[in-house]
Amino acid sequence: PLGFAWWNEIRIRYYKQDKDLPKAHRIKGMWKAVMWTEVQWEYQEATIGVNVPQIADMTDERLEYAFVHELMHITLNQMRPTDGVTKSELKNEEFVCTRLAQMFIWWTREIKKKYGNDSKQSSGGNSASKYGEKKNDEKDKNPNK
């Protein structure tokens, strides 16, 4: 989904207790990330860390958004400077990931509304193409025109 089929590996690592979280995510008394990514874009490998206690009460919609948001971080990670990231650059990346996640989720829902939930559309017959376009032989076949 979302074009990650060519990546070598995207792992999901679940952390069930605060004591198991990576050090950067164990700060007491502060907001804790729901998910985060560790990316080696040059090898097309990434890990999405999941803070299980933080997601326990999330709605399915919020969980979907959080996951897609992290996928956007994987996509954008190559653009980060190799000598570190400033707070301003991180804020910009967070905003871009937020907007892209919202757009992908909206787009996916609109496609499902228009073409149904079947993501395995055949290439023959009167089905829509993978891009939602009608095939040439399907155009203007409406006898009511």
C-alpha atoms as a PDB file:
ATOM      1  CA  PRO A   1       0.000   0.000   0.000  1.00  0.00           C
ATOM      2  CA  LEU A   2       1.020   3.590  -0.693  1.00  0.00           C
ATOM      3  CA  GLY A   3       3.891   2.459  -2.902  1.00  0.00           C
ATOM      4  CA  PHE A   4       6.052   0.695  -0.323  1.00  0.00           C
ATOM      5  CA  ALA A   5       6.055  -2.681  -2.089  1.00  0.00           C
ATOM      6  CA  TRP A   6       9.560  -2.054  -3.446  1.00  0.00           C
ATOM      7  CA  TRP A   7      11.063  -1.446   0.003  1.00  0.00           C
ATOM      8  CA  ASN A   8      13.192  -4.321   1.275  1.00  0.00           C
ATOM      9  CA  GLU A   9      11.594  -4.342   4.706  1.00  0.00           C
ATOM     10  CA  ILE A  10       9.300  -2.278   6.890  1.00  0.00           C
ATOM     11  CA  ARG A  11       9.160  -3.708  10.387  1.00  0.00           C
ATOM     12  CA  ILE A  12       6.711  -2.886  13.151  1.00  0.00           C
ATOM     13  CA  ARG A  13       8.088  -3.116  16.680  1.00  0.00           C
ATOM     14  CA  TYR A  14       5.612  -3.043  19.588  1.00  0.00           C
ATOM     15  CA  TYR A  15       6.632  -1.673  23.000  1.00  0.00           C
ATOM     16  CA  LYS A  16       4.227  -2.810  25.714  1.00  0.00           C
ATOM     17  CA  GLN A  17       5.781  -1.000  28.685  1.00  0.00           C
ATOM     18  CA  ASP A  18       7.488   2.360  29.177  1.00  0.00           C
ATOM     19  CA  LYS A  19      10.628   0.654  30.439  1.00  0.00           C
ATOM     20  CA  ASP A  20      10.966  -1.109  27.061  1.00  0.00           C
ATOM     21  CA  LEU A  21      10.780   2.103  24.998  1.00  0.00           C
ATOM     22  CA  PRO A  22      13.936   3.416  23.346  1.00  0.00           C
ATOM     23  CA  LYS A  23      15.648   5.977  25.578  1.00  0.00           C
ATOM     24  CA  ALA A  24      14.508   8.951  23.476  1.00  0.00           C
ATOM     25  CA  HIS A  25      10.876   8.007  24.162  1.00  0.00           C
ATOM     26  CA  ARG A  26      11.137   7.328  27.924  1.00  0.00           C
ATOM     27  CA  ILE A  27      11.054  10.905  29.225  1.00  0.00           C
ATOM     28  CA  LYS A  28       8.883  10.946  32.366  1.00  0.00           C
ATOM     29  CA  GLY A  29       6.124  13.500  32.715  1.00  0.00           C
ATOM     30  CA  MET A  30       6.219  14.484  29.053  1.00  0.00           C
ATOM     31  CA  TRP A  31       4.027  13.673  26.084  1.00  0.00           C
ATOM     32  CA  LYS A  32       5.032  10.361  24.618  1.00  0.00           C
ATOM     33  CA  ALA A  33       4.975   9.586  20.934  1.00  0.00           C
ATOM     34  CA  VAL A  34       2.343   7.129  19.798  1.00  0.00           C
ATOM     35  CA  MET A  35       4.551   5.911  16.936  1.00  0.00           C
ATOM     36  CA  TRP A  36       7.906   6.838  15.452  1.00  0.00           C
ATOM     37  CA  THR A  37      10.157   5.699  12.645  1.00  0.00           C
ATOM     38  CA  GLU A  38      13.752   4.644  12.289  1.00  0.00           C
ATOM     39  CA  VAL A  39      14.710   4.736   8.626  1.00  0.00           C
ATOM     40  CA  GLN A  40      17.671   3.575   6.596  1.00  0.00           C
ATOM     41  CA  TRP A  41      16.483   4.924   3.271  1.00  0.00           C
ATOM     42  CA  GLU A  42      19.702   3.995   1.496  1.00  0.00           C
ATOM     43  CA  TYR A  43      18.810   0.326   2.134  1.00  0.00           C
ATOM     44  CA  GLN A  44      15.054   0.873   1.831  1.00  0.00           C
ATOM     45  CA  GLU A  45      14.501  -0.476   5.335  1.00  0.00           C
ATOM     46  CA  ALA A  46      12.529   1.058   8.174  1.00  0.00           C
ATOM     47  CA  THR A  47      11.079   0.250  11.558  1.00  0.00           C
ATOM     48  CA  ILE A  48       7.901   1.768  12.933  1.00  0.00           C
ATOM     49  CA  GLY A  49       7.923   1.785  16.720  1.00  0.00           C
ATOM     50  CA  VAL A  50       4.530   1.532  18.425  1.00  0.00           C
ATOM     51  CA  ASN A  51       3.919   2.644  22.003  1.00  0.00           C
ATOM     52  CA  VAL A  52       1.182   0.110  22.836  1.00  0.00           C
ATOM     53  CA  PRO A  53      -0.164   1.832  25.998  1.00  0.00           C
ATOM     54  CA  GLN A  54      -0.626   5.036  23.971  1.00  0.00           C
ATOM     55  CA  ILE A  55      -2.687   3.331  21.251  1.00  0.00           C
ATOM     56  CA  ALA A  56      -4.860   1.199  23.544  1.00  0.00           C
ATOM     57  CA  ASP A  57      -7.793   3.631  23.562  1.00  0.00           C
ATOM     58  CA  MET A  58      -7.416   5.088  20.079  1.00  0.00           C
ATOM     59  CA  THR A  59     -10.213   4.852  17.533  1.00  0.00           C
ATOM     60  CA  ASP A  60      -9.559   2.909  14.345  1.00  0.00           C
ATOM     61  CA  GLU A  61      -9.529   6.189  12.395  1.00  0.00           C
ATOM     62  CA  ARG A  62      -6.924   7.773  14.669  1.00  0.00           C
ATOM     63  CA  LEU A  63      -4.791   4.611  14.579  1.00  0.00           C
ATOM     64  CA  GLU A  64      -4.959   4.562  10.761  1.00  0.00           C
ATOM     65  CA  TYR A  65      -3.923   8.209  10.645  1.00  0.00           C
ATOM     66  CA  ALA A  66      -0.976   7.620  13.028  1.00  0.00           C
ATOM     67  CA  PHE A  67       0.266   4.684  10.936  1.00  0.00           C
ATOM     68  CA  VAL A  68      -0.043   6.498   7.595  1.00  0.00           C
ATOM     69  CA  HIS A  69       1.661   9.545   9.168  1.00  0.00           C
ATOM     70  CA  GLU A  70       4.648   7.346  10.031  1.00  0.00           C
ATOM     71  CA  LEU A  71       4.722   5.970   6.484  1.00  0.00           C
ATOM     72  CA  MET A  72       5.023   9.564   5.295  1.00  0.00           C
ATOM     73  CA  HIS A  73       8.063  10.010   7.577  1.00  0.00           C
ATOM     74  CA  ILE A  74       9.607   6.999   5.853  1.00  0.00           C
ATOM     75  CA  THR A  75       8.973   8.650   2.481  1.00  0.00           C
ATOM     76  CA  LEU A  76      10.454  12.000   3.517  1.00  0.00           C
ATOM     77  CA  ASN A  77      13.385  10.729   5.583  1.00  0.00           C
ATOM     78  CA  GLN A  78      15.842  10.901   2.685  1.00  0.00           C
ATOM     79  CA  MET A  79      15.374  14.679   2.618  1.00  0.00           C
ATOM     80  CA  ARG A  80      16.733  15.114   6.160  1.00  0.00           C
ATOM     81  CA  PRO A  81      20.200  16.622   6.453  1.00  0.00           C
ATOM     82  CA  THR A  82      22.778  13.981   7.378  1.00  0.00           C
ATOM     83  CA  ASP A  83      24.379  16.269   9.954  1.00  0.00           C
ATOM     84  CA  GLY A  84      21.260  16.613  12.106  1.00  0.00           C
ATOM     85  CA  VAL A  85      17.863  18.242  12.004  1.00  0.00           C
ATOM     86  CA  THR A  86      16.869  21.570  13.546  1.00  0.00           C
ATOM     87  CA  LYS A  87      13.626  21.995  15.501  1.00  0.00           C
ATOM     88  CA  SER A  88      12.266  24.103  12.661  1.00  0.00           C
ATOM     89  CA  GLU A  89      13.057  21.401  10.099  1.00  0.00           C
ATOM     90  CA  LEU A  90      11.389  18.771  12.297  1.00  0.00           C
ATOM     91  CA  LYS A  91       8.270  20.921  12.663  1.00  0.00           C
ATOM     92  CA  ASN A  92       8.125  21.351   8.892  1.00  0.00           C
ATOM     93  CA  GLU A  93       8.496  17.597   8.377  1.00  0.00           C
ATOM     94  CA  GLU A  94       5.736  16.899  10.913  1.00  0.00           C
ATOM     95  CA  PHE A  95       3.409  19.290   9.110  1.00  0.00           C
ATOM     96  CA  VAL A  96       4.135  17.759   5.701  1.00  0.00           C
ATOM     97  CA  CYS A  97       3.625  14.229   7.085  1.00  0.00           C
ATOM     98  CA  THR A  98       0.349  15.326   8.662  1.00  0.00           C
ATOM     99  CA  ARG A  99      -0.984  16.842   5.434  1.00  0.00           C
ATOM    100  CA  LEU A 100       0.163  13.936   3.274  1.00  0.00           C
ATOM    101  CA  ALA A 101      -1.396  11.404   5.654  1.00  0.00           C
ATOM    102  CA  GLN A 102      -4.685  13.331   5.639  1.00  0.00           C
ATOM    103  CA  MET A 103      -4.623  13.501   1.844  1.00  0.00           C
ATOM    104  CA  PHE A 104      -3.841   9.786   1.350  1.00  0.00           C
ATOM    105  CA  ILE A 105      -6.560   8.744   3.792  1.00  0.00           C
ATOM    106  CA  TRP A 106      -9.095  11.060   2.160  1.00  0.00           C
ATOM    107  CA  TRP A 107      -8.102   9.846  -1.317  1.00  0.00           C
ATOM    108  CA  THR A 108      -8.371   6.178  -0.274  1.00  0.00           C
ATOM    109  CA  ARG A 109     -11.848   6.739   1.197  1.00  0.00           C
ATOM    110  CA  GLU A 110     -13.020   8.583  -1.920  1.00  0.00           C
ATOM    111  CA  ILE A 111     -11.767   5.793  -4.189  1.00  0.00           C
ATOM    112  CA  LYS A 112     -13.538   3.200  -2.009  1.00  0.00           C
ATOM    113  CA  LYS A 113     -16.751   5.219  -2.187  1.00  0.00           C
ATOM    114  CA  LYS A 114     -16.532   5.474  -5.941  1.00  0.00           C
ATOM    115  CA  TYR A 115     -15.257   2.001  -6.834  1.00  0.00           C
ATOM    116  CA  GLY A 116     -16.052  -0.096  -3.764  1.00  0.00           C
ATOM    117  CA  ASN A 117     -13.807  -1.845  -1.290  1.00  0.00           C
ATOM    118  CA  ASP A 118     -12.418  -4.399  -3.750  1.00  0.00           C
ATOM    119  CA  SER A 119      -8.793  -3.377  -4.195  1.00  0.00           C
ATOM    120  CA  LYS A 120      -8.124  -6.291  -6.579  1.00  0.00           C
ATOM    121  CA  GLN A 121      -9.716  -5.003  -9.729  1.00  0.00           C
ATOM    122  CA  SER A 122      -9.352  -7.260 -12.730  1.00  0.00           C
ATOM    123  CA  SER A 123      -7.835  -6.070 -15.951  1.00  0.00           C
ATOM    124  CA  GLY A 124     -10.579  -7.483 -18.147  1.00  0.00           C
ATOM    125  CA  GLY A 125     -14.283  -6.987 -18.625  1.00  0.00           C
ATOM    126  CA  ASN A 126     -16.013  -3.808 -17.544  1.00  0.00           C
ATOM    127  CA  SER A 127     -13.925  -3.073 -14.467  1.00  0.00           C
ATOM    128  CA  ALA A 128     -12.157   0.202 -13.833  1.00  0.00           C
ATOM    129  CA  SER A 129      -8.419   0.318 -14.362  1.00  0.00           C
ATOM    130  CA  LYS A 130      -6.084   0.540 -11.394  1.00  0.00           C
ATOM    131  CA  TYR A 131      -6.163   4.325 -11.803  1.00  0.00           C
ATOM    132  CA  GLY A 132      -9.936   4.578 -11.714  1.00  0.00           C
ATOM    133  CA  GLU A 133     -10.248   5.341 -15.420  1.00  0.00           C
ATOM    134  CA  LYS A 134     -12.673   3.633 -17.711  1.00  0.00           C
ATOM    135  CA  LYS A 135     -11.160   1.509 -20.404  1.00  0.00           C
ATOM    136  CA  ASN A 136     -11.582   2.707 -23.990  1.00  0.00           C
ATOM    137  CA  ASP A 137     -14.138  -0.014 -24.747  1.00  0.00           C
ATOM    138  CA  GLU A 138     -16.250   1.090 -21.770  1.00  0.00           C
ATOM    139  CA  LYS A 139     -16.494   4.778 -22.645  1.00  0.00           C
ATOM    140  CA  ASP A 140     -19.753   6.090 -23.988  1.00  0.00           C
ATOM    141  CA  LYS A 141     -21.557   2.743 -23.891  1.00  0.00           C
ATOM    142  CA  ASN A 142     -24.518   4.294 -22.102  1.00  0.00           C
ATOM    143  CA  PRO A 143     -27.525   3.503 -24.346  1.00  0.00           C
ATOM    144  CA  ASN A 144     -29.448   6.423 -22.775  1.00  0.00           C
ATOM    145  CA  LYS A 145     -27.204   9.059 -24.394  1.00  0.00           C
END
